[in-house]
Amino acid sequence: AQRQRLLGEVRAKIAASGEGLGFVNQSKITDDDALADAAAEMDLAMVIRESRELQDIEAALGRIAEGSYGVCTDCGGDIGRARLRAYPAAERCLPCQEKNERLRGRVHTLRL
């Protein structure tokens, strides 16, 4: 159900952007180019976030099909039921996810 909802939202936003929802329409609404740019960027960021969430859901459906759903992709251990209830598309157990986020945080900090 979440997959279908996200697909609908992403398709609607992409269709709307094709009709000029971005900078041009936003500047007509706001009469402020900076605000229009910010609104267009927020639209794009939302589509990117929802697209990533869709990819996570598709990957989880693939793991269900292959029988590996609920198994951490890093350590091979079980992903706790509470974690899967909170985030059904989880691909890592909580300790591995925390480790991954710490490592990604370091990478992002190093790039700055």
Protein backbone atom coordinates (compact mmCIF):
# COMPACT_ATOMS: atom_id res chain seq x y z
CA ALA A 1 0.00 0.00 0.00
CA GLN A 2 2.85 2.37 0.83
CA ARG A 3 4.49 1.56 -2.48
CA GLN A 4 1.31 2.40 -4.39
CA ARG A 5 0.85 5.66 -2.46
CA LEU A 6 4.43 6.75 -3.14
CA LEU A 7 4.23 5.79 -6.80
CA GLY A 8 1.12 7.93 -7.15
CA GLU A 9 2.74 10.89 -5.39
CA VAL A 10 5.96 10.71 -7.41
CA ARG A 11 4.06 10.34 -10.70
CA ALA A 12 1.84 13.30 -9.83
CA LYS A 13 4.84 15.48 -8.94
CA ILE A 14 6.72 14.51 -12.07
CA ALA A 15 3.65 15.21 -14.19
CA ALA A 16 3.14 18.55 -12.45
CA SER A 17 6.78 19.50 -12.98
CA GLY A 18 6.33 18.71 -16.66
CA GLU A 19 3.52 21.26 -16.65
CA GLY A 20 5.84 23.90 -15.23
CA LEU A 21 5.37 23.50 -11.47
CA GLY A 22 8.98 24.52 -10.94
CA PHE A 23 10.58 27.95 -11.08
CA VAL A 24 8.31 29.61 -13.63
CA ASN A 25 4.98 28.81 -11.96
CA GLN A 26 6.35 29.38 -8.47
CA SER A 27 7.60 32.84 -9.40
CA LYS A 28 4.15 33.71 -10.78
CA ILE A 29 2.62 32.68 -7.46
CA THR A 30 5.16 34.36 -5.20
CA ASP A 31 6.56 37.30 -7.23
CA ASP A 32 9.85 36.41 -5.53
CA ASP A 33 12.48 34.58 -7.60
CA ALA A 34 14.45 33.40 -4.54
CA LEU A 35 11.31 32.01 -2.94
CA ALA A 36 10.33 30.40 -6.24
CA ASP A 37 13.75 28.73 -6.46
CA ALA A 38 13.43 27.47 -2.89
CA ALA A 39 9.95 26.06 -3.60
CA ALA A 40 11.17 24.31 -6.75
CA GLU A 41 14.12 22.82 -4.85
CA MET A 42 11.77 21.59 -2.13
CA ASP A 43 9.61 19.92 -4.79
CA LEU A 44 12.69 18.24 -6.25
CA ALA A 45 13.98 17.17 -2.83
CA MET A 46 10.60 15.61 -2.03
CA VAL A 47 10.56 13.66 -5.30
CA ILE A 48 14.11 12.43 -4.66
CA ARG A 49 13.26 11.36 -1.09
CA GLU A 50 10.12 9.55 -2.24
CA SER A 51 12.01 7.89 -5.11
CA ARG A 52 14.61 6.58 -2.66
CA GLU A 53 11.84 5.28 -0.40
CA LEU A 54 10.31 3.53 -3.41
CA GLN A 55 13.68 1.93 -4.19
CA ASP A 56 13.89 0.69 -0.59
CA ILE A 57 10.40 -0.80 -0.84
CA GLU A 58 11.20 -2.46 -4.18
CA ALA A 59 14.38 -3.93 -2.68
CA ALA A 60 12.40 -5.26 0.31
CA LEU A 61 9.86 -6.86 -2.04
CA GLY A 62 12.79 -8.48 -3.87
CA ARG A 63 14.15 -9.85 -0.57
CA ILE A 64 10.70 -11.25 0.23
CA ALA A 65 10.60 -12.98 -3.17
CA GLU A 66 14.04 -14.51 -2.72
CA GLY A 67 13.42 -15.50 0.90
CA SER A 68 16.00 -13.23 2.52
CA TYR A 69 13.60 -10.67 4.00
CA GLY A 70 14.39 -9.98 7.65
CA VAL A 71 18.04 -10.97 7.27
CA CYS A 72 20.65 -8.21 7.72
CA THR A 73 22.55 -7.57 4.48
CA ASP A 74 25.71 -6.71 6.44
CA CYS A 75 26.07 -9.36 9.18
CA GLY A 76 23.55 -12.00 8.07
CA GLY A 77 21.78 -11.90 11.43
CA ASP A 78 18.08 -11.43 11.98
CA ILE A 79 16.52 -7.99 11.79
CA GLY A 80 14.31 -7.59 14.85
CA ARG A 81 10.54 -7.73 14.41
CA ALA A 82 10.10 -4.36 16.12
CA ARG A 83 12.51 -2.78 13.62
CA LEU A 84 10.69 -4.36 10.67
CA ARG A 85 7.34 -3.15 12.03
CA ALA A 86 8.76 0.36 12.39
CA TYR A 87 10.47 0.31 8.98
CA PRO A 88 9.36 -2.67 6.83
CA ALA A 89 11.99 -1.93 4.15
CA ALA A 90 14.91 -2.22 6.62
CA GLU A 91 17.83 -4.10 5.13
CA ARG A 92 20.08 -4.03 8.20
CA CYS A 93 19.72 -4.94 11.84
CA LEU A 94 19.85 -1.97 14.21
CA PRO A 95 23.55 -2.33 15.22
CA CYS A 96 24.63 -2.60 11.57
CA GLN A 97 22.40 0.33 10.56
CA GLU A 98 23.90 2.50 13.32
CA LYS A 99 27.40 1.52 12.21
CA ASN A 100 26.52 2.31 8.59
CA GLU A 101 25.15 5.73 9.53
CA ARG A 102 28.26 6.56 11.58
CA LEU A 103 30.48 5.60 8.64
CA ARG A 104 28.36 7.61 6.19
CA GLY A 105 28.49 10.58 8.57
CA ARG A 106 32.27 10.41 8.55
CA VAL A 107 32.35 10.21 4.76
CA HIS A 108 30.07 13.25 4.45
CA THR A 109 32.18 15.15 6.98
CA LEU A 110 35.38 14.30 5.10
CA ARG A 111 33.88 15.55 1.83
CA LEU A 112 33.10 18.95 3.33
